[in-house]
């Protein structure tokens, strides 16, 4: 298996799934490793808000104070 195929298999799940069991067994471990997040880890994620709260509603913080230009669905 070429280096290009190995890297593609690390990055492309569809490609990796298309490999035979023998080909998958030949893949070296991804040097970036595997990261698994627990439900507890995920409970602190707030969609990129850096204000430190999970219920931030500050127009100035998120939209630069232009509330009249924002249409809420």
Protein backbone atom coordinates (compact mmCIF):
# COMPACT_ATOMS: atom_id res chain seq x y z
CA UNK A 1 0.00 0.00 0.00
CA UNK A 2 1.47 3.37 -1.02
CA UNK A 3 1.90 6.29 1.38
CA UNK A 4 -0.78 8.19 -0.55
CA UNK A 5 -3.26 5.32 -0.04
CA UNK A 6 -2.41 5.13 3.67
CA UNK A 7 -2.94 8.85 4.18
CA UNK A 8 -6.17 8.74 2.20
CA UNK A 9 -7.40 5.86 4.36
CA UNK A 10 -6.62 7.86 7.50
CA UNK A 11 -8.50 10.92 6.21
CA UNK A 12 -11.34 9.47 4.12
CA UNK A 13 -13.76 7.20 6.01
CA UNK A 14 -15.57 6.13 2.83
CA UNK A 15 -12.28 5.11 1.22
CA UNK A 16 -11.18 3.30 4.39
CA UNK A 17 -14.50 1.42 4.49
CA UNK A 18 -13.97 0.33 0.87
CA UNK A 19 -10.73 -1.46 1.74
CA UNK A 20 -10.62 -5.21 2.22
CA UNK A 21 -9.97 -6.64 5.68
CA UNK A 22 -6.43 -7.52 4.57
CA UNK A 23 -5.78 -3.93 3.41
CA UNK A 24 -7.17 -2.52 6.65
CA UNK A 25 -4.87 -4.83 8.62
CA UNK A 26 -1.87 -3.37 6.73
CA UNK A 27 -2.70 0.21 7.72
CA UNK A 28 -0.34 1.65 10.30
CA UNK A 29 -1.92 3.45 13.22
CA UNK A 30 -2.76 7.08 12.47
CA UNK A 31 -0.06 9.23 14.11
CA UNK A 32 -2.72 11.74 15.16
CA UNK A 33 -4.31 9.00 17.25
CA UNK A 34 -7.93 8.45 18.07
CA UNK A 35 -9.79 10.92 20.21
CA UNK A 36 -12.98 9.85 21.89
CA UNK A 37 -15.07 12.40 23.74
CA UNK A 38 -17.38 11.37 26.54
CA UNK A 39 -20.89 12.75 27.01
CA UNK A 40 -19.44 14.76 29.91
CA UNK A 41 -16.82 16.29 27.58
CA UNK A 42 -19.49 17.13 25.02
CA UNK A 43 -21.77 18.75 27.60
CA UNK A 44 -19.31 21.63 27.94
CA UNK A 45 -19.20 22.37 24.19
CA UNK A 46 -21.11 25.50 23.23
CA UNK A 47 -20.86 25.85 19.47
CA UNK A 48 -17.77 28.01 19.42
CA UNK A 49 -18.97 30.67 21.85
CA UNK A 50 -16.01 31.86 23.88
CA UNK A 51 -17.96 33.91 26.39
CA UNK A 52 -17.96 31.06 28.91
CA UNK A 53 -21.69 30.43 29.20
CA UNK A 54 -23.84 27.83 27.50
CA UNK A 55 -26.85 30.18 27.22
CA UNK A 56 -25.26 33.36 25.94
CA UNK A 57 -27.76 35.71 24.34
CA UNK A 58 -25.62 38.80 23.94
CA UNK A 59 -26.36 40.51 20.59
CA UNK A 60 -23.23 42.60 20.88
CA UNK A 61 -21.06 39.58 21.64
CA UNK A 62 -22.39 37.36 18.84
CA UNK A 63 -23.66 39.75 16.20
CA UNK A 64 -21.71 42.97 16.71
CA UNK A 65 -24.72 44.87 18.01
CA UNK A 66 -26.68 44.84 14.76
CA UNK A 67 -29.80 43.11 16.09
CA UNK A 68 -32.04 44.83 13.57
CA UNK A 69 -30.22 43.00 10.73
CA UNK A 70 -30.77 39.56 12.26
CA UNK A 71 -33.88 37.52 11.49
CA UNK A 72 -34.57 34.74 13.97
CA UNK A 73 -36.27 31.59 12.72
